[in-house]
Amino acid sequence: MRAARLDSERGVTLVELLITLLVLSIGLLAVSQLFPAGTRNQERDAMLTESIHFAQEKVEQLQGKVWADSALTLGRHPTGTGVETLAGTSCQRWYQVDAMAAPLDNLKKITVTVQYQGAGQPARTVSTVTYIRR
């Protein structure tokens, strides 16, 4: 009677338990590698959104100007290698005003460029283009 009872009892051996723990720990390590990558991507996307907003802000300022305004004179603004910097960030902004050739000579093309760089990432650039009509 006792022999029949031992055959019907089943359990997990120590080796099976160790293999299970090994497989689970490898899986957890793989999942834990996703969190830093997700954080880096989130930071990069936040910087991109901020730089796009910074560029769009300048476009909206310039669209309210009249044709002869000094902010719309041909060339790079600020002049030379100057830039506007968004406080508290690494965003730098400048814009270029170009005259269009005939028959579109009643338009000025404005290209606003924002350069930004996240921690440990290469510098990236975002450009927005708009046109001002005479």
C-alpha atoms as a PDB file:
ATOM      1  CA  MET A   1       0.000   0.000   0.000  1.00  0.00           C
ATOM      2  CA  ARG A   2       2.838   2.358   0.805  1.00  0.00           C
ATOM      3  CA  ALA A   3       4.551   1.726  -2.566  1.00  0.00           C
ATOM      4  CA  ALA A   4       1.425   2.676  -4.475  1.00  0.00           C
ATOM      5  CA  ARG A   5       1.190   5.885  -2.547  1.00  0.00           C
ATOM      6  CA  LEU A   6       4.770   6.939  -3.413  1.00  0.00           C
ATOM      7  CA  ASP A   7       4.207   6.358  -7.119  1.00  0.00           C
ATOM      8  CA  SER A   8       1.166   8.622  -7.155  1.00  0.00           C
ATOM      9  CA  GLU A   9       2.989  11.479  -5.398  1.00  0.00           C
ATOM     10  CA  ARG A  10       4.581  13.877  -7.835  1.00  0.00           C
ATOM     11  CA  GLY A  11       6.634  16.954  -7.146  1.00  0.00           C
ATOM     12  CA  VAL A  12       9.203  19.304  -8.606  1.00  0.00           C
ATOM     13  CA  THR A  13      12.821  18.365  -8.289  1.00  0.00           C
ATOM     14  CA  LEU A  14      15.469  20.838  -7.257  1.00  0.00           C
ATOM     15  CA  VAL A  15      17.031  20.737 -10.739  1.00  0.00           C
ATOM     16  CA  GLU A  16      13.716  21.618 -12.386  1.00  0.00           C
ATOM     17  CA  LEU A  17      13.246  24.475  -9.962  1.00  0.00           C
ATOM     18  CA  LEU A  18      16.732  25.854 -10.668  1.00  0.00           C
ATOM     19  CA  ILE A  19      16.189  25.680 -14.435  1.00  0.00           C
ATOM     20  CA  THR A  20      12.872  27.501 -14.063  1.00  0.00           C
ATOM     21  CA  LEU A  21      14.503  30.243 -11.981  1.00  0.00           C
ATOM     22  CA  LEU A  22      17.296  30.591 -14.556  1.00  0.00           C
ATOM     23  CA  VAL A  23      14.819  31.000 -17.426  1.00  0.00           C
ATOM     24  CA  LEU A  24      12.790  33.558 -15.452  1.00  0.00           C
ATOM     25  CA  SER A  25      15.863  35.578 -14.488  1.00  0.00           C
ATOM     26  CA  ILE A  26      17.060  35.709 -18.124  1.00  0.00           C
ATOM     27  CA  GLY A  27      13.605  36.928 -19.148  1.00  0.00           C
ATOM     28  CA  LEU A  28      13.597  39.610 -16.461  1.00  0.00           C
ATOM     29  CA  LEU A  29      17.043  40.809 -17.505  1.00  0.00           C
ATOM     30  CA  ALA A  30      15.877  41.095 -21.115  1.00  0.00           C
ATOM     31  CA  VAL A  31      12.821  43.123 -20.086  1.00  0.00           C
ATOM     32  CA  SER A  32      14.888  45.375 -17.823  1.00  0.00           C
ATOM     33  CA  GLN A  33      17.001  46.394 -20.835  1.00  0.00           C
ATOM     34  CA  LEU A  34      13.902  47.978 -22.405  1.00  0.00           C
ATOM     35  CA  PHE A  35      13.476  50.633 -19.709  1.00  0.00           C
ATOM     36  CA  PRO A  36      16.660  52.671 -20.379  1.00  0.00           C
ATOM     37  CA  ALA A  37      15.978  52.556 -24.131  1.00  0.00           C
ATOM     38  CA  GLY A  38      12.440  53.782 -23.549  1.00  0.00           C
ATOM     39  CA  THR A  39      13.673  56.616 -21.357  1.00  0.00           C
ATOM     40  CA  ARG A  40      16.222  57.704 -23.989  1.00  0.00           C
ATOM     41  CA  ASN A  41      13.558  57.684 -26.698  1.00  0.00           C
ATOM     42  CA  GLN A  42      11.189  59.660 -24.502  1.00  0.00           C
ATOM     43  CA  GLU A  43      13.869  62.294 -23.847  1.00  0.00           C
ATOM     44  CA  ARG A  44      14.732  62.506 -27.562  1.00  0.00           C
ATOM     45  CA  ASP A  45      11.058  62.917 -28.496  1.00  0.00           C
ATOM     46  CA  ALA A  46      10.559  65.614 -25.850  1.00  0.00           C
ATOM     47  CA  MET A  47      13.535  67.545 -27.267  1.00  0.00           C
ATOM     48  CA  LEU A  48      12.124  67.197 -30.795  1.00  0.00           C
ATOM     49  CA  THR A  49       8.719  68.474 -29.686  1.00  0.00           C
ATOM     50  CA  GLU A  50      10.299  71.392 -27.842  1.00  0.00           C
ATOM     51  CA  SER A  51      12.424  72.384 -30.842  1.00  0.00           C
ATOM     52  CA  ILE A  52       9.453  72.202 -33.223  1.00  0.00           C
ATOM     53  CA  HIS A  53       7.496  74.444 -30.862  1.00  0.00           C
ATOM     54  CA  PHE A  54      10.467  76.862 -30.704  1.00  0.00           C
ATOM     55  CA  ALA A  55      10.574  77.028 -34.535  1.00  0.00           C
ATOM     56  CA  GLN A  56       6.797  77.437 -34.865  1.00  0.00           C
ATOM     57  CA  GLU A  57       6.848  80.250 -32.314  1.00  0.00           C
ATOM     58  CA  LYS A  58       9.240  82.257 -34.534  1.00  0.00           C
ATOM     59  CA  VAL A  59       7.169  81.517 -37.653  1.00  0.00           C
ATOM     60  CA  GLU A  60       4.075  82.909 -35.940  1.00  0.00           C
ATOM     61  CA  GLN A  61       5.982  86.038 -34.846  1.00  0.00           C
ATOM     62  CA  LEU A  62       7.218  86.669 -38.397  1.00  0.00           C
ATOM     63  CA  GLN A  63       3.866  86.053 -40.060  1.00  0.00           C
ATOM     64  CA  GLY A  64       2.485  89.066 -38.214  1.00  0.00           C
ATOM     65  CA  LYS A  65       5.123  91.398 -39.715  1.00  0.00           C
ATOM     66  CA  VAL A  66       4.635  93.655 -42.733  1.00  0.00           C
ATOM     67  CA  TRP A  67       6.728  93.248 -45.910  1.00  0.00           C
ATOM     68  CA  ALA A  68       9.068  96.169 -45.137  1.00  0.00           C
ATOM     69  CA  ASP A  69       9.715  95.227 -41.494  1.00  0.00           C
ATOM     70  CA  SER A  70      13.414  95.053 -40.574  1.00  0.00           C
ATOM     71  CA  ALA A  71      12.913  91.496 -39.297  1.00  0.00           C
ATOM     72  CA  LEU A  72      12.087  90.490 -42.881  1.00  0.00           C
ATOM     73  CA  THR A  73      15.133  91.969 -44.605  1.00  0.00           C
ATOM     74  CA  LEU A  74      16.932  89.468 -46.818  1.00  0.00           C
ATOM     75  CA  GLY A  75      19.608  87.341 -45.178  1.00  0.00           C
ATOM     76  CA  ARG A  76      20.236  85.442 -41.993  1.00  0.00           C
ATOM     77  CA  HIS A  77      18.794  86.613 -38.683  1.00  0.00           C
ATOM     78  CA  PRO A  78      20.455  87.130 -36.255  1.00  0.00           C
ATOM     79  CA  THR A  79      23.251  88.143 -38.589  1.00  0.00           C
ATOM     80  CA  GLY A  80      26.486  86.222 -38.909  1.00  0.00           C
ATOM     81  CA  THR A  81      26.650  83.166 -36.715  1.00  0.00           C
ATOM     82  CA  GLY A  82      24.399  84.545 -33.991  1.00  0.00           C
ATOM     83  CA  VAL A  83      21.571  82.456 -32.580  1.00  0.00           C
ATOM     84  CA  GLU A  84      18.644  82.825 -30.214  1.00  0.00           C
ATOM     85  CA  THR A  85      18.800  80.351 -27.351  1.00  0.00           C
ATOM     86  CA  LEU A  86      15.757  78.968 -25.587  1.00  0.00           C
ATOM     87  CA  ALA A  87      16.350  79.434 -21.856  1.00  0.00           C
ATOM     88  CA  GLY A  88      17.094  76.246 -19.968  1.00  0.00           C
ATOM     89  CA  THR A  89      17.643  74.112 -23.063  1.00  0.00           C
ATOM     90  CA  SER A  90      20.208  73.401 -25.727  1.00  0.00           C
ATOM     91  CA  CYS A  91      17.927  74.737 -28.506  1.00  0.00           C
ATOM     92  CA  GLN A  92      19.413  77.382 -30.783  1.00  0.00           C
ATOM     93  CA  ARG A  93      17.289  79.193 -33.374  1.00  0.00           C
ATOM     94  CA  TRP A  94      17.976  81.340 -36.431  1.00  0.00           C
ATOM     95  CA  TYR A  95      16.104  82.139 -39.632  1.00  0.00           C
ATOM     96  CA  GLN A  96      16.886  82.961 -43.239  1.00  0.00           C
ATOM     97  CA  VAL A  97      14.831  85.330 -45.418  1.00  0.00           C
ATOM     98  CA  ASP A  98      15.116  84.853 -49.196  1.00  0.00           C
ATOM     99  CA  ALA A  99      13.433  86.665 -52.079  1.00  0.00           C
ATOM    100  CA  MET A 100      11.571  84.510 -54.557  1.00  0.00           C
ATOM    101  CA  ALA A 101      12.275  84.806 -58.281  1.00  0.00           C
ATOM    102  CA  ALA A 102       9.671  86.098 -60.764  1.00  0.00           C
ATOM    103  CA  PRO A 103       6.786  85.401 -61.180  1.00  0.00           C
ATOM    104  CA  LEU A 104       6.744  84.790 -57.394  1.00  0.00           C
ATOM    105  CA  ASP A 105       8.631  87.991 -56.612  1.00  0.00           C
ATOM    106  CA  ASN A 106       5.794  89.124 -54.348  1.00  0.00           C
ATOM    107  CA  LEU A 107       6.825  86.411 -51.834  1.00  0.00           C
ATOM    108  CA  LYS A 108       9.590  86.113 -49.280  1.00  0.00           C
ATOM    109  CA  LYS A 109      10.603  82.629 -48.193  1.00  0.00           C
ATOM    110  CA  ILE A 110      11.422  82.310 -44.498  1.00  0.00           C
ATOM    111  CA  THR A 111      13.223  79.236 -43.223  1.00  0.00           C
ATOM    112  CA  VAL A 112      13.388  78.925 -39.433  1.00  0.00           C
ATOM    113  CA  THR A 113      16.006  76.459 -38.205  1.00  0.00           C
ATOM    114  CA  VAL A 114      16.369  75.084 -34.688  1.00  0.00           C
ATOM    115  CA  GLN A 115      19.340  72.992 -33.657  1.00  0.00           C
ATOM    116  CA  TYR A 116      19.197  70.942 -30.478  1.00  0.00           C
ATOM    117  CA  GLN A 117      21.235  68.287 -28.755  1.00  0.00           C
ATOM    118  CA  GLY A 118      20.198  65.876 -26.038  1.00  0.00           C
ATOM    119  CA  ALA A 119      22.557  64.426 -23.457  1.00  0.00           C
ATOM    120  CA  GLY A 120      24.920  61.981 -25.141  1.00  0.00           C
ATOM    121  CA  GLN A 121      23.219  62.406 -28.523  1.00  0.00           C
ATOM    122  CA  PRO A 122      24.384  64.019 -31.754  1.00  0.00           C
ATOM    123  CA  ALA A 123      23.118  67.487 -32.690  1.00  0.00           C
ATOM    124  CA  ARG A 124      19.858  67.463 -34.653  1.00  0.00           C
ATOM    125  CA  THR A 125      18.181  70.140 -36.728  1.00  0.00           C
ATOM    126  CA  VAL A 126      14.535  71.001 -37.402  1.00  0.00           C
ATOM    127  CA  SER A 127      13.514  73.477 -40.133  1.00  0.00           C
ATOM    128  CA  THR A 128      10.185  75.135 -40.806  1.00  0.00           C
ATOM    129  CA  VAL A 129       9.412  77.082 -43.980  1.00  0.00           C
ATOM    130  CA  THR A 130       6.783  79.765 -44.467  1.00  0.00           C
ATOM    131  CA  TYR A 131       6.108  82.496 -47.038  1.00  0.00           C
ATOM    132  CA  ILE A 132       5.213  86.158 -46.522  1.00  0.00           C
ATOM    133  CA  ARG A 133       3.223  87.916 -49.216  1.00  0.00           C
ATOM    134  CA  ARG A 134       3.601  91.561 -50.163  1.00  0.00           C
END
